[in-house]
N, C-alpha and C. Protein backbone atom coordinates (compact mmCIF):
# COMPACT_ATOMS: atom_id res chain seq x y z
N UNK A 1 -100.38 35.46 -80.94
CA UNK A 1 -99.90 34.94 -79.68
C UNK A 1 -99.73 33.49 -80.25
N UNK A 2 -100.31 32.68 -81.25
CA UNK A 2 -99.71 31.28 -81.25
C UNK A 2 -98.60 31.43 -82.25
N UNK A 3 -98.19 32.25 -82.89
CA UNK A 3 -96.65 32.39 -83.45
C UNK A 3 -95.70 32.71 -82.68
N UNK A 4 -96.07 33.28 -81.92
CA UNK A 4 -95.02 33.72 -80.38
C UNK A 4 -94.88 32.43 -79.93
N UNK A 5 -95.47 32.18 -79.62
CA UNK A 5 -95.15 30.52 -78.64
C UNK A 5 -94.56 29.33 -79.49
N UNK A 6 -94.96 29.62 -80.90
CA UNK A 6 -94.13 28.44 -81.55
C UNK A 6 -92.83 28.77 -82.08
N UNK A 7 -92.46 30.41 -81.92
CA UNK A 7 -91.05 30.46 -82.05
C UNK A 7 -90.41 30.34 -80.58
N UNK A 8 -90.99 31.07 -79.67
CA UNK A 8 -90.55 30.21 -78.21
C UNK A 8 -90.14 29.15 -78.23
N UNK A 9 -90.84 28.04 -78.61
CA UNK A 9 -90.81 26.43 -78.30
C UNK A 9 -89.77 26.10 -79.31
N UNK A 10 -89.36 26.57 -80.21
CA UNK A 10 -88.60 26.47 -81.36
C UNK A 10 -87.35 26.96 -80.93
N UNK A 11 -87.37 27.86 -80.37
CA UNK A 11 -85.72 28.54 -79.68
C UNK A 11 -85.54 27.71 -78.67
N UNK A 12 -86.32 27.17 -77.69
CA UNK A 12 -85.91 26.39 -76.50
C UNK A 12 -85.71 24.95 -76.69
N UNK A 13 -86.13 24.51 -78.17
CA UNK A 13 -85.99 23.20 -78.39
C UNK A 13 -84.45 23.00 -78.96
N UNK A 14 -83.81 24.06 -79.16
CA UNK A 14 -82.87 24.07 -80.10
C UNK A 14 -81.51 23.05 -79.07
N UNK A 15 -81.10 23.10 -78.14
CA UNK A 15 -80.63 22.22 -77.32
C UNK A 15 -80.86 21.00 -77.07
N UNK A 16 -82.01 20.53 -77.50
CA UNK A 16 -82.30 18.85 -77.19
C UNK A 16 -81.90 18.33 -78.25
N UNK A 17 -82.00 19.10 -79.70
CA UNK A 17 -81.83 18.43 -80.88
C UNK A 17 -79.43 18.37 -81.06
N UNK A 18 -79.17 19.35 -80.02
CA UNK A 18 -77.99 19.48 -80.14
C UNK A 18 -76.91 18.20 -79.37
N UNK A 19 -76.07 17.54 -80.58
CA UNK A 19 -75.34 16.27 -79.91
C UNK A 19 -74.16 16.68 -79.56
N UNK A 20 -73.12 15.74 -78.82
CA UNK A 20 -72.16 15.81 -78.44
C UNK A 20 -71.21 15.62 -79.92
N UNK A 21 -70.35 16.59 -79.95
CA UNK A 21 -69.16 16.60 -81.32
C UNK A 21 -68.68 15.11 -81.35
N UNK A 22 -68.34 14.65 -82.58
CA UNK A 22 -68.15 13.18 -82.81
C UNK A 22 -66.69 13.16 -83.61
N UNK A 23 -65.78 12.17 -82.88
CA UNK A 23 -64.42 12.32 -83.58
C UNK A 23 -64.38 12.14 -84.74
N UNK A 24 -63.10 12.57 -85.45
CA UNK A 24 -63.51 12.41 -87.02
C UNK A 24 -63.15 10.69 -87.05
N UNK A 25 -62.35 9.81 -86.08
CA UNK A 25 -62.49 8.37 -86.52
C UNK A 25 -63.84 7.86 -85.48
N UNK A 26 -64.13 6.74 -86.20
CA UNK A 26 -65.24 6.18 -85.45
C UNK A 26 -64.83 5.35 -84.36
N UNK A 27 -63.49 5.11 -84.59
CA UNK A 27 -62.89 4.06 -83.56
C UNK A 27 -62.19 5.12 -82.48
N UNK A 28 -62.38 4.73 -80.86
CA UNK A 28 -61.44 5.45 -80.01
C UNK A 28 -60.08 5.19 -79.81
N UNK A 29 -59.71 3.64 -80.25
CA UNK A 29 -58.42 3.13 -80.24
C UNK A 29 -57.61 4.04 -81.11
N UNK A 30 -57.98 4.46 -82.60
CA UNK A 30 -57.38 5.30 -83.38
C UNK A 30 -56.92 6.40 -83.30
N UNK A 31 -58.10 7.26 -82.65
CA UNK A 31 -57.77 8.73 -82.13
C UNK A 31 -56.98 8.64 -81.06
N UNK A 32 -56.84 7.80 -79.83
CA UNK A 32 -55.58 7.86 -78.89
C UNK A 32 -54.15 7.29 -79.62
N UNK A 33 -54.31 6.51 -80.29
CA UNK A 33 -52.96 6.69 -81.19
C UNK A 33 -52.41 7.96 -82.18
N UNK A 34 -53.67 8.51 -82.38
CA UNK A 34 -53.24 9.74 -83.29
C UNK A 34 -52.89 10.92 -82.34
N UNK A 35 -53.52 10.78 -80.79
CA UNK A 35 -53.07 11.70 -80.06
C UNK A 35 -51.94 11.18 -79.75
N UNK A 36 -51.32 10.26 -79.41
CA UNK A 36 -50.13 9.86 -78.79
C UNK A 36 -49.21 10.25 -79.67
N UNK A 37 -49.11 9.82 -81.24
CA UNK A 37 -48.19 10.43 -82.22
C UNK A 37 -48.14 11.52 -82.91
N UNK A 38 -49.37 12.66 -82.52
CA UNK A 38 -49.44 14.00 -82.64
C UNK A 38 -48.81 14.66 -81.98
N UNK A 39 -48.44 14.03 -80.70
CA UNK A 39 -47.78 14.94 -79.68
C UNK A 39 -46.03 15.06 -80.02
N UNK A 40 -45.82 13.90 -80.71
CA UNK A 40 -44.42 13.71 -80.99
C UNK A 40 -43.95 13.78 -82.03
N UNK A 41 -44.90 14.68 -82.86
CA UNK A 41 -44.54 15.03 -84.09
C UNK A 41 -44.66 16.70 -84.72
N UNK A 42 -44.10 17.24 -85.43
CA UNK A 42 -43.81 19.11 -85.03
C UNK A 42 -44.54 19.19 -86.20
N UNK A 43 -45.49 20.30 -86.19
CA UNK A 43 -45.95 21.19 -87.50
C UNK A 43 -45.01 21.44 -88.27
N UNK A 44 -45.07 21.41 -89.65
CA UNK A 44 -44.13 21.99 -90.55
C UNK A 44 -44.32 23.34 -91.03
N UNK A 45 -45.61 23.67 -90.75
CA UNK A 45 -45.65 25.06 -91.05
C UNK A 45 -45.27 26.19 -89.73
N UNK A 46 -46.07 25.84 -88.67
CA UNK A 46 -45.63 26.40 -87.05
C UNK A 46 -44.49 26.23 -86.97
N UNK A 47 -43.87 25.27 -86.99
CA UNK A 47 -42.19 25.25 -86.66
C UNK A 47 -41.94 24.66 -84.94
N UNK A 48 -43.11 25.16 -84.10
CA UNK A 48 -42.92 25.46 -82.47
C UNK A 48 -44.01 24.78 -82.02
N UNK A 49 -44.75 24.33 -82.69
CA UNK A 49 -45.87 23.54 -82.08
C UNK A 49 -46.11 22.00 -82.77
N UNK A 50 -46.40 21.16 -82.01
CA UNK A 50 -47.04 19.79 -82.40
C UNK A 50 -48.20 19.71 -83.46
N UNK A 51 -47.95 18.63 -83.97
CA UNK A 51 -49.03 18.63 -84.80
C UNK A 51 -50.29 18.75 -83.89
N UNK A 52 -50.13 17.89 -83.09
CA UNK A 52 -51.45 17.84 -82.17
C UNK A 52 -51.96 19.16 -81.78
N UNK A 53 -51.39 20.45 -81.61
CA UNK A 53 -51.43 21.49 -81.05
C UNK A 53 -51.86 22.79 -82.28
N UNK A 54 -51.06 22.20 -83.34
CA UNK A 54 -51.42 23.24 -84.55
C UNK A 54 -52.67 23.28 -85.58
N UNK A 55 -53.43 24.46 -85.96
CA UNK A 55 -54.43 24.38 -86.46
C UNK A 55 -54.31 24.72 -87.82
N UNK A 56 -53.15 24.82 -88.39
CA UNK A 56 -52.64 25.02 -89.87
C UNK A 56 -53.46 23.91 -90.63
N UNK A 57 -53.49 24.22 -91.93
CA UNK A 57 -54.31 23.27 -92.71
C UNK A 57 -53.10 22.20 -92.78
N UNK A 58 -52.08 22.53 -93.14
CA UNK A 58 -50.75 21.42 -93.33
C UNK A 58 -51.05 20.23 -92.32
N UNK A 59 -50.88 20.68 -90.81
CA UNK A 59 -51.23 19.82 -89.85
C UNK A 59 -52.38 19.04 -89.78
N UNK A 60 -53.42 19.57 -90.09
CA UNK A 60 -54.72 18.77 -90.70
C UNK A 60 -54.62 17.76 -91.49
N UNK A 61 -53.83 17.93 -92.57
CA UNK A 61 -53.53 17.01 -93.35
C UNK A 61 -52.63 16.10 -93.33
N UNK A 62 -51.55 16.33 -92.32
CA UNK A 62 -50.80 15.39 -91.90
C UNK A 62 -51.52 14.38 -90.90
N UNK A 63 -52.31 14.76 -90.08
CA UNK A 63 -53.21 14.37 -88.79
C UNK A 63 -54.04 13.36 -89.74
N UNK A 64 -54.71 13.79 -90.91
CA UNK A 64 -55.57 12.62 -91.64
C UNK A 64 -54.75 11.57 -92.23
N UNK A 65 -53.58 11.90 -92.77
CA UNK A 65 -52.59 11.03 -93.02
C UNK A 65 -52.12 10.05 -92.16
N UNK A 66 -51.66 10.67 -91.33
CA UNK A 66 -51.05 9.44 -90.22
C UNK A 66 -52.61 8.74 -89.89
N UNK A 67 -53.58 9.14 -89.58
CA UNK A 67 -54.71 8.50 -88.82
C UNK A 67 -55.20 7.68 -90.01
N UNK A 68 -54.86 7.54 -91.74
CA UNK A 68 -54.77 6.83 -92.62
C UNK A 68 -54.07 5.59 -92.06
N UNK A 69 -52.73 6.26 -92.21
CA UNK A 69 -51.60 5.20 -91.49
C UNK A 69 -52.12 3.95 -90.81
N UNK A 70 -52.86 4.75 -89.39
CA UNK A 70 -53.26 4.03 -88.27
C UNK A 70 -54.10 2.80 -88.61
N UNK A 71 -55.22 3.30 -89.40
CA UNK A 71 -56.06 2.60 -89.98
C UNK A 71 -55.80 1.62 -91.03
N UNK A 72 -54.74 1.69 -91.90
CA UNK A 72 -53.87 0.52 -92.32
C UNK A 72 -53.27 -0.52 -91.40
N UNK A 73 -53.31 -0.34 -90.20
CA UNK A 73 -52.49 -1.37 -89.17
C UNK A 73 -51.08 -0.91 -89.12
N UNK A 74 -50.57 0.21 -89.41
CA UNK A 74 -49.14 0.44 -89.56
C UNK A 74 -48.67 0.61 -88.16
N UNK A 75 -47.67 0.03 -87.64
CA UNK A 75 -47.13 0.75 -86.04
C UNK A 75 -46.68 1.83 -86.39
N UNK A 76 -46.54 2.20 -85.03
CA UNK A 76 -46.09 3.76 -84.66
C UNK A 76 -44.47 4.12 -85.17
N UNK A 77 -43.83 3.01 -85.19
CA UNK A 77 -42.49 3.20 -85.96
C UNK A 77 -42.37 3.16 -87.07
N UNK A 78 -43.26 2.43 -88.00
CA UNK A 78 -43.58 2.64 -89.34
C UNK A 78 -43.86 3.77 -89.76
N UNK A 79 -44.70 4.60 -89.12
CA UNK A 79 -45.79 5.80 -89.39
C UNK A 79 -44.54 6.84 -89.39
N UNK A 80 -43.67 7.00 -87.99
CA UNK A 80 -42.76 7.93 -87.64
C UNK A 80 -41.71 7.84 -88.88
N UNK A 81 -41.18 6.39 -89.19
CA UNK A 81 -40.14 6.41 -89.97
C UNK A 81 -40.40 6.68 -91.54
N UNK A 82 -41.73 6.54 -91.96
CA UNK A 82 -42.26 7.19 -93.30
C UNK A 82 -42.44 8.48 -93.17
N UNK A 83 -42.75 9.26 -91.88
CA UNK A 83 -42.85 10.79 -92.16
C UNK A 83 -40.93 11.07 -91.98
N UNK A 84 -40.38 10.55 -91.44
CA UNK A 84 -39.07 11.02 -91.32
C UNK A 84 -38.60 10.98 -92.79
N UNK A 85 -38.94 9.71 -93.33
CA UNK A 85 -38.18 9.63 -94.84
C UNK A 85 -38.57 10.58 -95.64
N UNK A 86 -39.84 11.28 -95.61
CA UNK A 86 -40.48 12.10 -96.29
C UNK A 86 -40.12 13.83 -96.02
N UNK A 87 -40.47 13.47 -94.79
CA UNK A 87 -39.84 15.14 -94.57
C UNK A 87 -38.47 16.05 -93.56
N UNK A 88 -38.11 14.53 -93.12
CA UNK A 88 -36.64 14.39 -92.51
C UNK A 88 -36.59 14.68 -90.92
N UNK A 89 -35.79 14.61 -90.64
CA UNK A 89 -35.71 14.84 -88.63
C UNK A 89 -36.53 16.02 -88.03
N UNK A 90 -36.67 16.99 -89.07
CA UNK A 90 -37.38 18.38 -88.54
C UNK A 90 -38.77 17.92 -88.07
N UNK A 91 -39.67 16.93 -88.80
CA UNK A 91 -40.96 16.52 -88.68
C UNK A 91 -40.87 15.89 -87.27
N UNK A 92 -39.49 15.49 -86.41
CA UNK A 92 -39.71 14.97 -85.16
C UNK A 92 -39.59 16.20 -83.94
N UNK A 93 -40.52 16.04 -83.19
CA UNK A 93 -40.67 17.34 -81.85
C UNK A 93 -39.30 17.25 -81.24
N UNK A 94 -38.58 15.98 -80.78
CA UNK A 94 -37.69 15.84 -80.45
C UNK A 94 -36.96 14.83 -81.07
N UNK A 95 -35.98 15.67 -82.13
CA UNK A 95 -35.00 15.00 -83.10
C UNK A 95 -34.08 13.95 -82.13
N UNK A 96 -33.33 12.97 -83.10
CA UNK A 96 -32.37 12.24 -82.31
C UNK A 96 -31.12 12.85 -82.24
N UNK A 97 -30.47 12.26 -81.23
CA UNK A 97 -28.89 12.90 -81.56
C UNK A 97 -28.08 12.37 -82.41
N UNK A 98 -27.90 13.12 -83.28
CA UNK A 98 -26.94 12.83 -84.59
C UNK A 98 -25.91 13.70 -84.78
N UNK A 99 -25.14 13.31 -86.10
CA UNK A 99 -24.12 14.42 -85.97
C UNK A 99 -24.73 15.78 -86.78
N UNK A 100 -26.12 15.52 -87.28
CA UNK A 100 -26.58 16.75 -88.06
C UNK A 100 -27.41 17.60 -86.79
N UNK A 101 -27.44 17.14 -85.73
CA UNK A 101 -28.46 17.70 -84.95
C UNK A 101 -27.56 17.71 -83.39
N UNK A 102 -26.32 17.70 -83.60
CA UNK A 102 -25.46 18.00 -82.62
C UNK A 102 -25.61 19.19 -81.83
N UNK A 103 -25.34 20.26 -83.14
CA UNK A 103 -25.66 21.61 -82.29
C UNK A 103 -26.85 21.82 -81.47
N UNK A 104 -28.14 21.44 -82.37
CA UNK A 104 -28.96 21.66 -81.63
C UNK A 104 -29.40 20.94 -80.14
N UNK A 105 -28.62 19.94 -79.55
CA UNK A 105 -28.71 19.66 -78.53
C UNK A 105 -27.68 20.03 -77.36
N UNK A 106 -26.36 20.19 -78.12
CA UNK A 106 -25.49 20.36 -77.10
C UNK A 106 -25.23 22.25 -77.24
N UNK A 107 -25.79 23.07 -78.54
CA UNK A 107 -25.66 24.37 -78.72
C UNK A 107 -26.28 24.89 -77.15
N UNK A 108 -27.29 25.14 -76.60
CA UNK A 108 -27.71 25.74 -75.33
C UNK A 108 -26.58 25.36 -74.34
N UNK A 109 -26.13 24.39 -73.87
CA UNK A 109 -25.04 24.12 -73.08
C UNK A 109 -23.95 24.97 -73.51
N UNK A 110 -23.45 25.08 -74.53
CA UNK A 110 -21.99 25.84 -74.80
C UNK A 110 -22.43 27.46 -74.72
N UNK A 111 -23.51 27.86 -74.99
CA UNK A 111 -23.99 29.04 -75.23
C UNK A 111 -23.94 29.56 -73.05
N UNK A 112 -24.50 28.71 -72.68
CA UNK A 112 -24.33 28.82 -71.38
C UNK A 112 -22.91 28.97 -70.71
N UNK A 113 -22.23 28.11 -70.89
CA UNK A 113 -20.85 27.76 -70.50
C UNK A 113 -20.27 29.17 -71.06
N UNK A 114 -20.23 29.52 -72.21
CA UNK A 114 -19.53 30.78 -72.84
C UNK A 114 -20.11 31.81 -72.05
N UNK A 115 -21.15 31.95 -71.89
CA UNK A 115 -22.05 33.12 -71.00
C UNK A 115 -21.10 33.35 -69.73
N UNK A 116 -21.24 32.24 -69.39
CA UNK A 116 -20.31 32.02 -67.60
C UNK A 116 -19.05 32.61 -67.51
N UNK A 117 -18.30 32.13 -68.69
CA UNK A 117 -16.75 32.19 -69.12
C UNK A 117 -16.39 33.78 -69.16
N UNK A 118 -17.64 34.25 -70.00
CA UNK A 118 -17.40 36.00 -70.75
C UNK A 118 -18.00 36.58 -69.13
N UNK A 119 -18.75 36.35 -68.33
CA UNK A 119 -19.38 37.05 -67.12
C UNK A 119 -17.74 36.88 -65.99
N UNK A 120 -17.19 35.78 -65.74
CA UNK A 120 -16.06 35.85 -65.03
C UNK A 120 -14.74 36.92 -65.24
N UNK A 121 -14.92 36.56 -66.98
CA UNK A 121 -13.60 37.87 -67.27
C UNK A 121 -14.17 39.09 -67.41
N UNK A 122 -15.20 39.42 -67.68
CA UNK A 122 -15.90 40.76 -67.38
C UNK A 122 -15.53 41.17 -65.82
N UNK A 123 -15.80 40.28 -64.84
CA UNK A 123 -15.87 40.83 -63.49
C UNK A 123 -14.24 41.09 -63.17
N UNK A 124 -13.66 40.17 -63.78
CA UNK A 124 -12.10 40.13 -63.05
C UNK A 124 -11.27 41.16 -64.18
N UNK A 125 -11.86 41.84 -65.40
CA UNK A 125 -11.08 43.00 -65.54
C UNK A 125 -11.55 44.29 -65.01
N UNK A 126 -12.80 44.29 -64.42
CA UNK A 126 -13.59 45.31 -63.71
C UNK A 126 -12.69 45.72 -62.37
N UNK A 127 -12.64 44.19 -61.65
CA UNK A 127 -11.82 44.41 -60.30
C UNK A 127 -10.30 44.83 -60.52
N UNK A 128 -9.84 45.06 -61.44
CA UNK A 128 -8.20 45.16 -62.09
C UNK A 128 -8.43 46.92 -62.15
N UNK A 129 -9.38 47.56 -62.93
CA UNK A 129 -9.55 48.86 -62.84
C UNK A 129 -9.50 49.53 -61.75
N UNK A 130 -10.34 48.80 -60.68
CA UNK A 130 -10.60 49.79 -59.23
C UNK A 130 -9.00 49.88 -58.64
N UNK A 131 -8.81 51.19 -58.44
CA UNK A 131 -7.73 51.52 -58.14
C UNK A 131 -7.87 52.10 -56.23
N UNK A 132 -6.94 51.63 -55.70
CA UNK A 132 -7.62 52.53 -54.17
C UNK A 132 -6.85 53.68 -54.12
N UNK A 133 -7.42 55.04 -53.62
CA UNK A 133 -6.60 56.36 -53.85
C UNK A 133 -6.42 56.55 -52.13
N UNK A 134 -5.19 56.67 -51.91
CA UNK A 134 -4.59 57.28 -50.79
C UNK A 134 -4.85 58.85 -50.56
N UNK A 135 -5.75 58.79 -49.30
CA UNK A 135 -5.75 60.44 -49.20
C UNK A 135 -4.67 61.04 -48.09
N UNK A 136 -4.57 61.99 -48.46
CA UNK A 136 -3.24 62.64 -47.54
C UNK A 136 -4.13 62.96 -46.69
N UNK A 137 -3.23 63.41 -45.39
CA UNK A 137 -3.45 64.11 -44.10
C UNK A 137 -4.06 65.53 -44.48
N UNK A 138 -3.37 65.98 -45.36
CA UNK A 138 -4.12 67.70 -45.70
C UNK A 138 -5.35 67.35 -46.35
N UNK A 139 -5.64 66.67 -46.99
CA UNK A 139 -6.80 66.44 -47.83
C UNK A 139 -7.97 65.83 -46.79
N UNK A 140 -7.45 65.30 -45.85
CA UNK A 140 -8.22 64.97 -44.93
C UNK A 140 -8.63 65.60 -44.06
N UNK A 141 -8.15 66.70 -43.61
CA UNK A 141 -8.34 68.21 -42.56
C UNK A 141 -9.10 69.25 -43.29
N UNK A 142 -8.88 69.20 -44.57
CA UNK A 142 -9.51 69.98 -45.66
C UNK A 142 -10.67 69.58 -45.69
N UNK A 143 -11.04 68.04 -46.01
CA UNK A 143 -12.57 67.81 -45.90
C UNK A 143 -13.72 67.97 -44.38
N UNK A 144 -12.63 68.04 -43.64
CA UNK A 144 -13.49 67.89 -42.20
C UNK A 144 -13.92 69.67 -42.09
N UNK A 145 -12.63 70.47 -42.46
CA UNK A 145 -13.26 71.69 -42.51
C UNK A 145 -14.31 72.05 -43.38
N UNK A 146 -14.12 71.39 -44.26
CA UNK A 146 -15.50 72.25 -45.16
C UNK A 146 -17.04 71.54 -44.43
N UNK A 147 -16.73 70.18 -43.93
CA UNK A 147 -18.22 69.69 -43.42
C UNK A 147 -18.22 70.41 -42.30
N UNK A 148 -17.69 70.96 -41.53
CA UNK A 148 -17.89 71.45 -40.26
C UNK A 148 -18.43 72.80 -40.50
N UNK A 149 -18.55 73.26 -41.54
CA UNK A 149 -18.83 74.92 -41.96
C UNK A 149 -20.18 74.65 -42.09
N UNK A 150 -20.39 73.49 -42.82
CA UNK A 150 -21.78 73.50 -42.90
C UNK A 150 -22.37 73.99 -44.36
N UNK A 151 -23.65 73.58 -44.98
CA UNK A 151 -23.98 73.95 -45.91
C UNK A 151 -24.95 75.41 -45.47
N UNK A 152 -24.99 76.15 -46.12
CA UNK A 152 -25.57 77.62 -45.73
C UNK A 152 -27.00 77.77 -46.64
N UNK A 153 -27.80 78.14 -45.92
CA UNK A 153 -28.98 77.86 -46.83
C UNK A 153 -29.30 79.49 -47.33
N UNK A 154 -30.02 79.60 -48.22
CA UNK A 154 -30.34 80.84 -48.65
C UNK A 154 -31.50 81.51 -47.90
C-alpha cells in the first residue's frame, strides 16, 4: 500500500514541477522584433509560408540567424538587406515592384482582363449562332393536331 501511495503522489505531483515554456531568447524585445521580421520573410523551402509559419529546419536556421543579427543590434533594414543580398528578392514575402517582379504584380490583373475579354468574345459568338426559326402555318396546324390527339397510354 505504501508503494501505491508513493506512485500516486509522484504522478500527481508532475504538474507542480512543470513550468511555462521559455522563449529561445531571454529578451522579449528581441523575440518581438524577430516575430515582426519573420512575418515579412518567406521560407525558402516551403515557398508559400512566412518564416514565422514554417517548421522547416532551414526556417529554424534563418530565424536563429535573424535573432543573432538582432542581438548584434542590426536594424531591420540592415537585416532585410543582408538576406536579400544573400537569397534575392525571393526571401521577401511581399517582393518590391521591380522590372524582374512586374509579372508577379501585374500578372493576376492581366489574366483577369484576358478572361473577361475571352468571355465576352465567346458570348458574342454564341449569340450569332442562334438563329430564329420561322414556323409556317402548315407546321403550326400539324403541331396542334398532334397535341389534340394526346398521348395514348398502353
